[in-house]
Amino acid sequence: MKMAKGATRSVFVFKRFVVKVPTFLSWRLFLNGLLANMQEELFSGVDDCLCPVMYSDIFGFVLIMERAYVIPNRVNNLNFLNYLEAKYKNNNMREFILSDSKPSNWGILEGRLVKIDYGN
């Protein structure tokens, strides 16, 4: 297991799945982590570029996603962002998909590019 920390959540990366829980650093960050979990669960399945959620409780305390393999940071950020902007130009989820679009927030799952946001 590997652990990563994002701004509002802690991420536990296992062999086949990932568990995201809100951070306990402050009340505001904790609430934002709950909302992030609820938002990912809400949008799961809406677009195939979003990593599928396997389980989420109704309060946002725990979110479990399939594990994708993270795109390495050595990918050029500007080229990657230009690629994503062109690919999702007419997508109605564009704003959500492109938010925080650094390469490490994306991965490969079953041969397709998916947004994962596992933290750093």
PDB file of N, CA and C in Angstrom:
ATOM      1  N   MET A   1       0.844  -1.181   0.000  1.00  0.00           N
ATOM      2  CA  MET A   1       0.000   0.000   0.000  1.00  0.00           C
ATOM      3  C   MET A   1       0.885   1.239   0.000  1.00  0.00           C
ATOM      4  N   LYS A   2       0.446   2.244  -0.725  1.00  0.00           N
ATOM      5  CA  LYS A   2       1.105   3.538  -0.780  1.00  0.00           C
ATOM      6  C   LYS A   2       0.104   4.589  -0.314  1.00  0.00           C
ATOM      7  N   MET A   3       0.584   5.595   0.394  1.00  0.00           N
ATOM      8  CA  MET A   3      -0.298   6.670   0.842  1.00  0.00           C
ATOM      9  C   MET A   3       0.137   7.979   0.194  1.00  0.00           C
ATOM     10  N   ALA A   4      -0.844   8.762  -0.238  1.00  0.00           N
ATOM     11  CA  ALA A   4      -0.571  10.080  -0.813  1.00  0.00           C
ATOM     12  C   ALA A   4      -1.473  11.086  -0.119  1.00  0.00           C
ATOM     13  N   LYS A   5      -1.043  12.331  -0.094  1.00  0.00           N
ATOM     14  CA  LYS A   5      -1.835  13.392   0.520  1.00  0.00           C
ATOM     15  C   LYS A   5      -2.134  14.452  -0.526  1.00  0.00           C
ATOM     16  N   GLY A   6      -3.397  14.773  -0.650  1.00  0.00           N
ATOM     17  CA  GLY A   6      -3.812  15.894  -1.476  1.00  0.00           C
ATOM     18  C   GLY A   6      -4.141  17.062  -0.573  1.00  0.00           C
ATOM     19  N   ALA A   7      -4.689  18.116  -1.136  1.00  0.00           N
ATOM     20  CA  ALA A   7      -5.024  19.295  -0.348  1.00  0.00           C
ATOM     21  C   ALA A   7      -6.155  19.015   0.631  1.00  0.00           C
ATOM     22  N   THR A   8      -7.132  18.184   0.222  1.00  0.00           N
ATOM     23  CA  THR A   8      -8.307  17.972   1.070  1.00  0.00           C
ATOM     24  C   THR A   8      -8.560  16.515   1.425  1.00  0.00           C
ATOM     25  N   ARG A   9      -7.751  15.603   0.870  1.00  0.00           N
ATOM     26  CA  ARG A   9      -7.987  14.182   1.132  1.00  0.00           C
ATOM     27  C   ARG A   9      -6.673  13.412   1.263  1.00  0.00           C
ATOM     28  N   SER A  10      -6.739  12.306   1.982  1.00  0.00           N
ATOM     29  CA  SER A  10      -5.659  11.332   2.018  1.00  0.00           C
ATOM     30  C   SER A  10      -6.079  10.182   1.114  1.00  0.00           C
ATOM     31  N   VAL A  11      -5.106   9.638   0.400  1.00  0.00           N
ATOM     32  CA  VAL A  11      -5.388   8.592  -0.580  1.00  0.00           C
ATOM     33  C   VAL A  11      -4.532   7.374  -0.263  1.00  0.00           C
ATOM     34  N   PHE A  12      -5.178   6.227  -0.154  1.00  0.00           N
ATOM     35  CA  PHE A  12      -4.498   4.968   0.112  1.00  0.00           C
ATOM     36  C   PHE A  12      -4.588   4.129  -1.154  1.00  0.00           C
ATOM     37  N   VAL A  13      -3.429   3.852  -1.760  1.00  0.00           N
ATOM     38  CA  VAL A  13      -3.377   3.162  -3.039  1.00  0.00           C
ATOM     39  C   VAL A  13      -3.013   1.698  -2.791  1.00  0.00           C
ATOM     40  N   PHE A  14      -3.928   0.814  -3.125  1.00  0.00           N
ATOM     41  CA  PHE A  14      -3.728  -0.627  -3.009  1.00  0.00           C
ATOM     42  C   PHE A  14      -3.515  -1.202  -4.406  1.00  0.00           C
ATOM     43  N   LYS A  15      -3.341  -2.493  -4.483  1.00  0.00           N
ATOM     44  CA  LYS A  15      -3.047  -3.140  -5.759  1.00  0.00           C
ATOM     45  C   LYS A  15      -4.177  -2.978  -6.781  1.00  0.00           C
ATOM     46  N   ARG A  16      -5.425  -3.105  -6.354  1.00  0.00           N
ATOM     47  CA  ARG A  16      -6.545  -3.071  -7.295  1.00  0.00           C
ATOM     48  C   ARG A  16      -7.538  -1.938  -7.076  1.00  0.00           C
ATOM     49  N   PHE A  17      -7.391  -1.231  -5.979  1.00  0.00           N
ATOM     50  CA  PHE A  17      -8.329  -0.140  -5.708  1.00  0.00           C
ATOM     51  C   PHE A  17      -7.630   0.953  -4.917  1.00  0.00           C
ATOM     52  N   VAL A  18      -8.332   2.088  -4.804  1.00  0.00           N
ATOM     53  CA  VAL A  18      -7.825   3.271  -4.117  1.00  0.00           C
ATOM     54  C   VAL A  18      -8.908   3.747  -3.157  1.00  0.00           C
ATOM     55  N   VAL A  19      -8.509   4.127  -1.938  1.00  0.00           N
ATOM     56  CA  VAL A  19      -9.449   4.636  -0.936  1.00  0.00           C
ATOM     57  C   VAL A  19      -9.108   6.106  -0.672  1.00  0.00           C
ATOM     58  N   LYS A  20     -10.117   6.965  -0.770  1.00  0.00           N
ATOM     59  CA  LYS A  20      -9.943   8.395  -0.514  1.00  0.00           C
ATOM     60  C   LYS A  20     -10.778   8.778   0.700  1.00  0.00           C
ATOM     61  N   VAL A  21     -10.136   9.442   1.663  1.00  0.00           N
ATOM     62  CA  VAL A  21     -10.825   9.917   2.861  1.00  0.00           C
ATOM     63  C   VAL A  21     -10.459  11.385   3.082  1.00  0.00           C
ATOM     64  N   PRO A  22     -11.368  12.174   3.657  1.00  0.00           N
ATOM     65  CA  PRO A  22     -11.071  13.586   3.919  1.00  0.00           C
ATOM     66  C   PRO A  22      -9.890  13.741   4.880  1.00  0.00           C
ATOM     67  N   THR A  23      -9.161  14.820   4.710  1.00  0.00           N
ATOM     68  CA  THR A  23      -8.045  15.119   5.603  1.00  0.00           C
ATOM     69  C   THR A  23      -8.578  15.606   6.950  1.00  0.00           C
ATOM     70  N   PHE A  24      -7.786  15.454   7.985  1.00  0.00           N
ATOM     71  CA  PHE A  24      -8.176  15.909   9.317  1.00  0.00           C
ATOM     72  C   PHE A  24      -7.320  17.090   9.784  1.00  0.00           C
ATOM     73  N   LEU A  25      -6.710  17.808   8.834  1.00  0.00           N
ATOM     74  CA  LEU A  25      -5.827  18.918   9.190  1.00  0.00           C
ATOM     75  C   LEU A  25      -6.587  20.141   9.700  1.00  0.00           C
ATOM     76  N   SER A  26      -7.779  20.350   9.163  1.00  0.00           N
ATOM     77  CA  SER A  26      -8.618  21.450   9.642  1.00  0.00           C
ATOM     78  C   SER A  26     -10.066  21.140   9.276  1.00  0.00           C
ATOM     79  N   TRP A  27     -10.975  21.828   9.945  1.00  0.00           N
ATOM     80  CA  TRP A  27     -12.401  21.611   9.693  1.00  0.00           C
ATOM     81  C   TRP A  27     -12.762  21.950   8.251  1.00  0.00           C
ATOM     82  N   ARG A  28     -12.257  23.069   7.750  1.00  0.00           N
ATOM     83  CA  ARG A  28     -12.567  23.510   6.385  1.00  0.00           C
ATOM     84  C   ARG A  28     -12.050  22.508   5.357  1.00  0.00           C
ATOM     85  N   LEU A  29     -10.801  22.033   5.522  1.00  0.00           N
ATOM     86  CA  LEU A  29     -10.250  21.049   4.589  1.00  0.00           C
ATOM     87  C   LEU A  29     -11.012  19.727   4.671  1.00  0.00           C
ATOM     88  N   PHE A  30     -11.415  19.344   5.879  1.00  0.00           N
ATOM     89  CA  PHE A  30     -12.211  18.130   6.065  1.00  0.00           C
ATOM     90  C   PHE A  30     -13.528  18.227   5.294  1.00  0.00           C
ATOM     91  N   LEU A  31     -14.222  19.357   5.429  1.00  0.00           N
ATOM     92  CA  LEU A  31     -15.491  19.553   4.715  1.00  0.00           C
ATOM     93  C   LEU A  31     -15.283  19.537   3.202  1.00  0.00           C
ATOM     94  N   ASN A  32     -14.202  20.172   2.731  1.00  0.00           N
ATOM     95  CA  ASN A  32     -13.904  20.162   1.299  1.00  0.00           C
ATOM     96  C   ASN A  32     -13.593  18.750   0.814  1.00  0.00           C
ATOM     97  N   GLY A  33     -12.943  17.947   1.652  1.00  0.00           N
ATOM     98  CA  GLY A  33     -12.675  16.547   1.308  1.00  0.00           C
ATOM     99  C   GLY A  33     -13.954  15.735   1.192  1.00  0.00           C
ATOM    100  N   LEU A  34     -14.889  15.977   2.125  1.00  0.00           N
ATOM    101  CA  LEU A  34     -16.199  15.316   2.035  1.00  0.00           C
ATOM    102  C   LEU A  34     -16.885  15.672   0.715  1.00  0.00           C
ATOM    103  N   LEU A  35     -16.886  16.970   0.388  1.00  0.00           N
ATOM    104  CA  LEU A  35     -17.523  17.427  -0.844  1.00  0.00           C
ATOM    105  C   LEU A  35     -16.839  16.857  -2.086  1.00  0.00           C
ATOM    106  N   ALA A  36     -15.510  16.770  -2.060  1.00  0.00           N
ATOM    107  CA  ALA A  36     -14.775  16.197  -3.198  1.00  0.00           C
ATOM    108  C   ALA A  36     -15.168  14.736  -3.400  1.00  0.00           C
ATOM    109  N   ASN A  37     -15.272  13.974  -2.313  1.00  0.00           N
ATOM    110  CA  ASN A  37     -15.693  12.580  -2.426  1.00  0.00           C
ATOM    111  C   ASN A  37     -17.108  12.473  -2.981  1.00  0.00           C
ATOM    112  N   MET A  38     -18.010  13.321  -2.478  1.00  0.00           N
ATOM    113  CA  MET A  38     -19.392  13.285  -2.956  1.00  0.00           C
ATOM    114  C   MET A  38     -19.484  13.676  -4.429  1.00  0.00           C
ATOM    115  N   GLN A  39     -18.681  14.656  -4.842  1.00  0.00           N
ATOM    116  CA  GLN A  39     -18.692  15.100  -6.232  1.00  0.00           C
ATOM    117  C   GLN A  39     -18.158  13.999  -7.154  1.00  0.00           C
ATOM    118  N   GLU A  40     -17.074  13.337  -6.763  1.00  0.00           N
ATOM    119  CA  GLU A  40     -16.537  12.257  -7.596  1.00  0.00           C
ATOM    120  C   GLU A  40     -17.545  11.122  -7.717  1.00  0.00           C
ATOM    121  N   GLU A  41     -18.247  10.821  -6.641  1.00  0.00           N
ATOM    122  CA  GLU A  41     -19.252   9.754  -6.690  1.00  0.00           C
ATOM    123  C   GLU A  41     -20.410  10.166  -7.590  1.00  0.00           C
ATOM    124  N   LEU A  42     -20.831  11.410  -7.492  1.00  0.00           N
ATOM    125  CA  LEU A  42     -21.939  11.922  -8.297  1.00  0.00           C
ATOM    126  C   LEU A  42     -21.623  11.849  -9.794  1.00  0.00           C
ATOM    127  N   PHE A  43     -20.390  12.215 -10.174  1.00  0.00           N
ATOM    128  CA  PHE A  43     -20.012  12.255 -11.582  1.00  0.00           C
ATOM    129  C   PHE A  43     -19.530  10.912 -12.122  1.00  0.00           C
ATOM    130  N   SER A  44     -19.267   9.953 -11.253  1.00  0.00           N
ATOM    131  CA  SER A  44     -18.795   8.642 -11.699  1.00  0.00           C
ATOM    132  C   SER A  44     -19.814   8.016 -12.649  1.00  0.00           C
ATOM    133  N   GLY A  45     -19.323   7.542 -13.768  1.00  0.00           N
ATOM    134  CA  GLY A  45     -20.200   6.915 -14.747  1.00  0.00           C
ATOM    135  C   GLY A  45     -20.816   7.888 -15.734  1.00  0.00           C
ATOM    136  N   VAL A  46     -20.703   9.192 -15.488  1.00  0.00           N
ATOM    137  CA  VAL A  46     -21.262  10.195 -16.396  1.00  0.00           C
ATOM    138  C   VAL A  46     -20.428  10.274 -17.667  1.00  0.00           C
ATOM    139  N   ASP A  47     -19.118  10.143 -17.530  1.00  0.00           N
ATOM    140  CA  ASP A  47     -18.205  10.194 -18.665  1.00  0.00           C
ATOM    141  C   ASP A  47     -17.137   9.124 -18.464  1.00  0.00           C
ATOM    142  N   ASP A  48     -16.766   8.429 -19.526  1.00  0.00           N
ATOM    143  CA  ASP A  48     -15.798   7.338 -19.370  1.00  0.00           C
ATOM    144  C   ASP A  48     -14.371   7.813 -19.126  1.00  0.00           C
ATOM    145  N   CYS A  49     -14.142   9.123 -19.121  1.00  0.00           N
ATOM    146  CA  CYS A  49     -12.806   9.619 -18.793  1.00  0.00           C
ATOM    147  C   CYS A  49     -12.636   9.804 -17.278  1.00  0.00           C
ATOM    148  N   LEU A  50     -13.696   9.580 -16.511  1.00  0.00           N
ATOM    149  CA  LEU A  50     -13.607   9.679 -15.059  1.00  0.00           C
ATOM    150  C   LEU A  50     -13.440   8.280 -14.489  1.00  0.00           C
ATOM    151  N   CYS A  51     -12.477   8.114 -13.602  1.00  0.00           N
ATOM    152  CA  CYS A  51     -12.218   6.805 -13.015  1.00  0.00           C
ATOM    153  C   CYS A  51     -13.464   6.322 -12.265  1.00  0.00           C
ATOM    154  N   PRO A  52     -13.876   5.080 -12.501  1.00  0.00           N
ATOM    155  CA  PRO A  52     -15.100   4.577 -11.866  1.00  0.00           C
ATOM    156  C   PRO A  52     -14.997   4.473 -10.343  1.00  0.00           C
ATOM    157  N   VAL A  53     -16.073   4.849  -9.673  1.00  0.00           N
ATOM    158  CA  VAL A  53     -16.182   4.705  -8.223  1.00  0.00           C
ATOM    159  C   VAL A  53     -16.829   3.350  -7.952  1.00  0.00           C
ATOM    160  N   MET A  54     -16.189   2.563  -7.091  1.00  0.00           N
ATOM    161  CA  MET A  54     -16.711   1.249  -6.728  1.00  0.00           C
ATOM    162  C   MET A  54     -17.661   1.347  -5.533  1.00  0.00           C
ATOM    163  N   TYR A  55     -17.357   2.296  -4.611  1.00  0.00           N
ATOM    164  CA  TYR A  55     -18.171   2.467  -3.411  1.00  0.00           C
ATOM    165  C   TYR A  55     -17.977   3.871  -2.875  1.00  0.00           C
ATOM    166  N   SER A  56     -19.045   4.433  -2.346  1.00  0.00           N
ATOM    167  CA  SER A  56     -18.974   5.701  -1.633  1.00  0.00           C
ATOM    168  C   SER A  56     -20.118   5.737  -0.633  1.00  0.00           C
ATOM    169  N   ASP A  57     -19.813   6.119   0.602  1.00  0.00           N
ATOM    170  CA  ASP A  57     -20.905   6.276   1.565  1.00  0.00           C
ATOM    171  C   ASP A  57     -21.615   7.592   1.280  1.00  0.00           C
ATOM    172  N   ILE A  58     -22.811   7.753   1.773  1.00  0.00           N
ATOM    173  CA  ILE A  58     -23.618   8.926   1.427  1.00  0.00           C
ATOM    174  C   ILE A  58     -23.092  10.235   2.023  1.00  0.00           C
ATOM    175  N   PHE A  59     -22.223  10.151   3.020  1.00  0.00           N
ATOM    176  CA  PHE A  59     -21.710  11.355   3.676  1.00  0.00           C
ATOM    177  C   PHE A  59     -20.369  11.815   3.124  1.00  0.00           C
ATOM    178  N   GLY A  60     -19.720  11.027   2.266  1.00  0.00           N
ATOM    179  CA  GLY A  60     -18.432  11.399   1.698  1.00  0.00           C
ATOM    180  C   GLY A  60     -17.236  11.048   2.557  1.00  0.00           C
ATOM    181  N   PHE A  61     -17.435  10.241   3.606  1.00  0.00           N
ATOM    182  CA  PHE A  61     -16.308   9.851   4.470  1.00  0.00           C
ATOM    183  C   PHE A  61     -15.326   8.929   3.756  1.00  0.00           C
ATOM    184  N   VAL A  62     -15.854   8.046   2.895  1.00  0.00           N
ATOM    185  CA  VAL A  62     -15.015   7.056   2.213  1.00  0.00           C
ATOM    186  C   VAL A  62     -15.438   6.955   0.759  1.00  0.00           C
ATOM    187  N   LEU A  63     -14.453   6.958  -0.130  1.00  0.00           N
ATOM    188  CA  LEU A  63     -14.689   6.743  -1.548  1.00  0.00           C
ATOM    189  C   LEU A  63     -13.678   5.706  -2.016  1.00  0.00           C
ATOM    190  N   ILE A  64     -14.151   4.672  -2.702  1.00  0.00           N
ATOM    191  CA  ILE A  64     -13.265   3.632  -3.221  1.00  0.00           C
ATOM    192  C   ILE A  64     -13.398   3.617  -4.740  1.00  0.00           C
ATOM    193  N   MET A  65     -12.240   3.736  -5.407  1.00  0.00           N
ATOM    194  CA  MET A  65     -12.198   3.765  -6.871  1.00  0.00           C
ATOM    195  C   MET A  65     -11.349   2.606  -7.377  1.00  0.00           C
ATOM    196  N   GLU A  66     -11.569   2.257  -8.639  1.00  0.00           N
ATOM    197  CA  GLU A  66     -10.664   1.315  -9.280  1.00  0.00           C
ATOM    198  C   GLU A  66      -9.292   1.968  -9.363  1.00  0.00           C
ATOM    199  N   ARG A  67      -8.252   1.148  -9.328  1.00  0.00           N
ATOM    200  CA  ARG A  67      -6.905   1.701  -9.418  1.00  0.00           C
ATOM    201  C   ARG A  67      -6.481   1.806 -10.878  1.00  0.00           C
ATOM    202  N   ALA A  68      -6.031   2.975 -11.236  1.00  0.00           N
ATOM    203  CA  ALA A  68      -5.445   3.211 -12.557  1.00  0.00           C
ATOM    204  C   ALA A  68      -3.952   3.444 -12.354  1.00  0.00           C
ATOM    205  N   TYR A  69      -3.194   3.336 -13.413  1.00  0.00           N
ATOM    206  CA  TYR A  69      -1.757   3.573 -13.322  1.00  0.00           C
ATOM    207  C   TYR A  69      -1.466   5.015 -13.695  1.00  0.00           C
ATOM    208  N   VAL A  70      -0.869   5.734 -12.760  1.00  0.00           N
ATOM    209  CA  VAL A  70      -0.665   7.181 -12.849  1.00  0.00           C
ATOM    210  C   VAL A  70       0.276   7.537 -13.997  1.00  0.00           C
ATOM    211  N   ILE A  71      -0.077   8.589 -14.729  1.00  0.00           N
ATOM    212  CA  ILE A  71       0.802   9.124 -15.769  1.00  0.00           C
ATOM    213  C   ILE A  71       1.978   9.800 -15.071  1.00  0.00           C
ATOM    214  N   PRO A  72       3.198   9.506 -15.499  1.00  0.00           N
ATOM    215  CA  PRO A  72       4.375  10.074 -14.811  1.00  0.00           C
ATOM    216  C   PRO A  72       4.479  11.589 -14.969  1.00  0.00           C
ATOM    217  N   ASN A  73       5.092  12.226 -13.981  1.00  0.00           N
ATOM    218  CA  ASN A  73       5.266  13.684 -13.989  1.00  0.00           C
ATOM    219  C   ASN A  73       6.217  14.164 -15.080  1.00  0.00           C
ATOM    220  N   ARG A  74       6.970  13.257 -15.686  1.00  0.00           N
ATOM    221  CA  ARG A  74       7.914  13.686 -16.728  1.00  0.00           C
ATOM    222  C   ARG A  74       7.214  14.083 -18.035  1.00  0.00           C
ATOM    223  N   VAL A  75       5.897  13.846 -18.116  1.00  0.00           N
ATOM    224  CA  VAL A  75       5.113  14.284 -19.272  1.00  0.00           C
ATOM    225  C   VAL A  75       5.050  15.811 -19.251  1.00  0.00           C
ATOM    226  N   ASN A  76       5.232  16.431 -20.389  1.00  0.00           N
ATOM    227  CA  ASN A  76       5.203  17.884 -20.488  1.00  0.00           C
ATOM    228  C   ASN A  76       3.807  18.409 -20.149  1.00  0.00           C
ATOM    229  N   ASN A  77       3.727  19.233 -19.103  1.00  0.00           N
ATOM    230  CA  ASN A  77       2.434  19.751 -18.626  1.00  0.00           C
ATOM    231  C   ASN A  77       1.670  20.531 -19.686  1.00  0.00           C
ATOM    232  N   LEU A  78       2.353  21.409 -20.400  1.00  0.00           N
ATOM    233  CA  LEU A  78       1.680  22.257 -21.395  1.00  0.00           C
ATOM    234  C   LEU A  78       1.143  21.404 -22.545  1.00  0.00           C
ATOM    235  N   ASN A  79       1.947  20.485 -23.044  1.00  0.00           N
ATOM    236  CA  ASN A  79       1.484  19.611 -24.127  1.00  0.00           C
ATOM    237  C   ASN A  79       0.306  18.753 -23.673  1.00  0.00           C
ATOM    238  N   PHE A  80       0.367  18.262 -22.436  1.00  0.00           N
ATOM    239  CA  PHE A  80      -0.710  17.438 -21.909  1.00  0.00           C
ATOM    240  C   PHE A  80      -1.996  18.247 -21.787  1.00  0.00           C
ATOM    241  N   LEU A  81      -1.908  19.462 -21.256  1.00  0.00           N
ATOM    242  CA  LEU A  81      -3.080  20.320 -21.112  1.00  0.00           C
ATOM    243  C   LEU A  81      -3.679  20.667 -22.482  1.00  0.00           C
ATOM    244  N   ASN A  82      -2.824  20.970 -23.460  1.00  0.00           N
ATOM    245  CA  ASN A  82      -3.316  21.256 -24.816  1.00  0.00           C
ATOM    246  C   ASN A  82      -4.049  20.047 -25.396  1.00  0.00           C
ATOM    247  N   TYR A  83      -3.501  18.854 -25.156  1.00  0.00           N
ATOM    248  CA  TYR A  83      -4.147  17.622 -25.623  1.00  0.00           C
ATOM    249  C   TYR A  83      -5.539  17.474 -24.991  1.00  0.00           C
ATOM    250  N   LEU A  84      -5.607  17.662 -23.660  1.00  0.00           N
ATOM    251  CA  LEU A  84      -6.886  17.518 -22.963  1.00  0.00           C
ATOM    252  C   LEU A  84      -7.898  18.560 -23.426  1.00  0.00           C
ATOM    253  N   GLU A  85      -7.450  19.794 -23.596  1.00  0.00           N
ATOM    254  CA  GLU A  85      -8.363  20.861 -24.037  1.00  0.00           C
ATOM    255  C   GLU A  85      -8.939  20.562 -25.417  1.00  0.00           C
ATOM    256  N   ALA A  86      -8.120  20.041 -26.299  1.00  0.00           N
ATOM    257  CA  ALA A  86      -8.605  19.691 -27.639  1.00  0.00           C
ATOM    258  C   ALA A  86      -9.551  18.486 -27.569  1.00  0.00           C
ATOM    259  N   LYS A  87      -9.191  17.498 -26.778  1.00  0.00           N
ATOM    260  CA  LYS A  87      -9.986  16.271 -26.676  1.00  0.00           C
ATOM    261  C   LYS A  87     -11.377  16.537 -26.086  1.00  0.00           C
ATOM    262  N   TYR A  88     -11.451  17.396 -25.074  1.00  0.00           N
ATOM    263  CA  TYR A  88     -12.718  17.633 -24.369  1.00  0.00           C
ATOM    264  C   TYR A  88     -13.343  18.983 -24.714  1.00  0.00           C
ATOM    265  N   LYS A  89     -12.971  19.536 -25.855  1.00  0.00           N
ATOM    266  CA  LYS A  89     -13.438  20.857 -26.276  1.00  0.00           C
ATOM    267  C   LYS A  89     -14.967  20.989 -26.244  1.00  0.00           C
ATOM    268  N   ASN A  90     -15.682  19.974 -26.676  1.00  0.00           N
ATOM    269  CA  ASN A  90     -17.140  20.053 -26.757  1.00  0.00           C
ATOM    270  C   ASN A  90     -17.844  19.195 -25.705  1.00  0.00           C
ATOM    271  N   ASN A  91     -17.136  18.777 -24.694  1.00  0.00           N
ATOM    272  CA  ASN A  91     -17.707  17.917 -23.657  1.00  0.00           C
ATOM    273  C   ASN A  91     -18.439  18.773 -22.623  1.00  0.00           C
ATOM    274  N   ASN A  92     -19.652  18.386 -22.242  1.00  0.00           N
ATOM    275  CA  ASN A  92     -20.417  19.175 -21.271  1.00  0.00           C
ATOM    276  C   ASN A  92     -19.839  19.092 -19.854  1.00  0.00           C
ATOM    277  N   MET A  93     -18.922  18.164 -19.611  1.00  0.00           N
ATOM    278  CA  MET A  93     -18.240  18.045 -18.310  1.00  0.00           C
ATOM    279  C   MET A  93     -16.846  18.686 -18.357  1.00  0.00           C
ATOM    280  N   ARG A  94     -16.589  19.468 -19.396  1.00  0.00           N
ATOM    281  CA  ARG A  94     -15.258  20.023 -19.663  1.00  0.00           C
ATOM    282  C   ARG A  94     -14.628  20.698 -18.448  1.00  0.00           C
ATOM    283  N   GLU A  95     -15.366  21.557 -17.786  1.00  0.00           N
ATOM    284  CA  GLU A  95     -14.821  22.314 -16.651  1.00  0.00           C
ATOM    285  C   GLU A  95     -14.350  21.378 -15.538  1.00  0.00           C
ATOM    286  N   PHE A  96     -15.159  20.383 -15.202  1.00  0.00           N
ATOM    287  CA  PHE A  96     -14.783  19.425 -14.160  1.00  0.00           C
ATOM    288  C   PHE A  96     -13.609  18.554 -14.614  1.00  0.00           C
ATOM    289  N   ILE A  97     -13.665  18.098 -15.856  1.00  0.00           N
ATOM    290  CA  ILE A  97     -12.608  17.225 -16.376  1.00  0.00           C
ATOM    291  C   ILE A  97     -11.272  17.942 -16.411  1.00  0.00           C
ATOM    292  N   LEU A  98     -11.265  19.203 -16.813  1.00  0.00           N
ATOM    293  CA  LEU A  98     -10.012  19.938 -16.975  1.00  0.00           C
ATOM    294  C   LEU A  98      -9.515  20.616 -15.697  1.00  0.00           C
ATOM    295  N   SER A  99     -10.303  20.593 -14.620  1.00  0.00           N
ATOM    296  CA  SER A  99      -9.835  21.221 -13.381  1.00  0.00           C
ATOM    297  C   SER A  99      -8.632  20.448 -12.840  1.00  0.00           C
ATOM    298  N   ASP A 100      -7.590  21.167 -12.483  1.00  0.00           N
ATOM    299  CA  ASP A 100      -6.359  20.585 -11.933  1.00  0.00           C
ATOM    300  C   ASP A 100      -5.824  19.465 -12.833  1.00  0.00           C
ATOM    301  N   SER A 101      -5.579  19.800 -14.089  1.00  0.00           N
ATOM    302  CA  SER A 101      -5.233  18.805 -15.100  1.00  0.00           C
ATOM    303  C   SER A 101      -3.749  18.523 -15.264  1.00  0.00           C
ATOM    304  N   LYS A 102      -3.016  18.494 -14.189  1.00  0.00           N
ATOM    305  CA  LYS A 102      -1.620  18.081 -14.305  1.00  0.00           C
ATOM    306  C   LYS A 102      -1.573  16.577 -14.611  1.00  0.00           C
ATOM    307  N   PRO A 103      -0.542  16.130 -15.309  1.00  0.00           N
ATOM    308  CA  PRO A 103      -0.468  14.723 -15.714  1.00  0.00           C
ATOM    309  C   PRO A 103      -0.648  13.726 -14.568  1.00  0.00           C
ATOM    310  N   SER A 104      -0.147  14.040 -13.373  1.00  0.00           N
ATOM    311  CA  SER A 104      -0.241  13.092 -12.258  1.00  0.00           C
ATOM    312  C   SER A 104      -1.665  12.909 -11.733  1.00  0.00           C
ATOM    313  N   ASN A 105      -2.613  13.742 -12.176  1.00  0.00           N
ATOM    314  CA  ASN A 105      -4.023  13.566 -11.814  1.00  0.00           C
ATOM    315  C   ASN A 105      -4.763  12.685 -12.815  1.00  0.00           C
ATOM    316  N   TRP A 106      -4.024  12.105 -13.740  1.00  0.00           N
ATOM    317  CA  TRP A 106      -4.591  11.247 -14.775  1.00  0.00           C
ATOM    318  C   TRP A 106      -3.881   9.904 -14.762  1.00  0.00           C
ATOM    319  N   GLY A 107      -4.567   8.892 -15.248  1.00  0.00           N
ATOM    320  CA  GLY A 107      -3.989   7.562 -15.301  1.00  0.00           C
ATOM    321  C   GLY A 107      -4.562   6.757 -16.445  1.00  0.00           C
ATOM    322  N   ILE A 108      -4.085   5.534 -16.547  1.00  0.00           N
ATOM    323  CA  ILE A 108      -4.552   4.604 -17.566  1.00  0.00           C
ATOM    324  C   ILE A 108      -5.287   3.464 -16.870  1.00  0.00           C
ATOM    325  N   LEU A 109      -6.506   3.214 -17.299  1.00  0.00           N
ATOM    326  CA  LEU A 109      -7.321   2.127 -16.765  1.00  0.00           C
ATOM    327  C   LEU A 109      -7.945   1.398 -17.948  1.00  0.00           C
ATOM    328  N   GLU A 110      -7.638   0.125 -18.061  1.00  0.00           N
ATOM    329  CA  GLU A 110      -8.178  -0.703 -19.149  1.00  0.00           C
ATOM    330  C   GLU A 110      -7.944  -0.051 -20.510  1.00  0.00           C
ATOM    331  N   GLY A 111      -6.753   0.538 -20.694  1.00  0.00           N
ATOM    332  CA  GLY A 111      -6.360   1.103 -21.976  1.00  0.00           C
ATOM    333  C   GLY A 111      -6.910   2.479 -22.285  1.00  0.00           C
ATOM    334  N   ARG A 112      -7.595   3.106 -21.343  1.00  0.00           N
ATOM    335  CA  ARG A 112      -8.122   4.446 -21.609  1.00  0.00           C
ATOM    336  C   ARG A 112      -7.614   5.441 -20.564  1.00  0.00           C
ATOM    337  N   LEU A 113      -7.557   6.697 -20.977  1.00  0.00           N
ATOM    338  CA  LEU A 113      -7.126   7.780 -20.113  1.00  0.00           C
ATOM    339  C   LEU A 113      -8.274   8.162 -19.190  1.00  0.00           C
ATOM    340  N   VAL A 114      -8.001   8.193 -17.863  1.00  0.00           N
ATOM    341  CA  VAL A 114      -9.040   8.543 -16.892  1.00  0.00           C
ATOM    342  C   VAL A 114      -8.484   9.529 -15.869  1.00  0.00           C
ATOM    343  N   LYS A 115      -9.352  10.410 -15.400  1.00  0.00           N
ATOM    344  CA  LYS A 115      -8.985  11.349 -14.340  1.00  0.00           C
ATOM    345  C   LYS A 115      -9.048  10.606 -13.015  1.00  0.00           C
ATOM    346  N   ILE A 116      -7.972  10.710 -12.214  1.00  0.00           N
ATOM    347  CA  ILE A 116      -7.903   9.944 -10.974  1.00  0.00           C
ATOM    348  C   ILE A 116      -7.747  10.793  -9.725  1.00  0.00           C
ATOM    349  N   ASP A 117      -6.903  11.829  -9.758  1.00  0.00           N
ATOM    350  CA  ASP A 117      -6.661  12.720  -8.616  1.00  0.00           C
ATOM    351  C   ASP A 117      -6.338  11.942  -7.348  1.00  0.00           C
ATOM    352  N   TYR A 118      -5.182  11.259  -7.346  1.00  0.00           N
ATOM    353  CA  TYR A 118      -4.745  10.482  -6.195  1.00  0.00           C
ATOM    354  C   TYR A 118      -3.930  11.314  -5.194  1.00  0.00           C
ATOM    355  N   GLY A 119      -3.751  12.582  -5.436  1.00  0.00           N
ATOM    356  CA  GLY A 119      -2.908  13.396  -4.553  1.00  0.00           C
ATOM    357  C   GLY A 119      -1.450  13.248  -4.956  1.00  0.00           C
ATOM    358  N   ASN A 120      -0.566  13.898  -4.245  1.00  0.00           N
ATOM    359  CA  ASN A 120       0.861  13.837  -4.578  1.00  0.00           C
ATOM    360  C   ASN A 120       1.660  13.253  -3.463  1.00  0.00           C
TER     361      ASN A 120
END
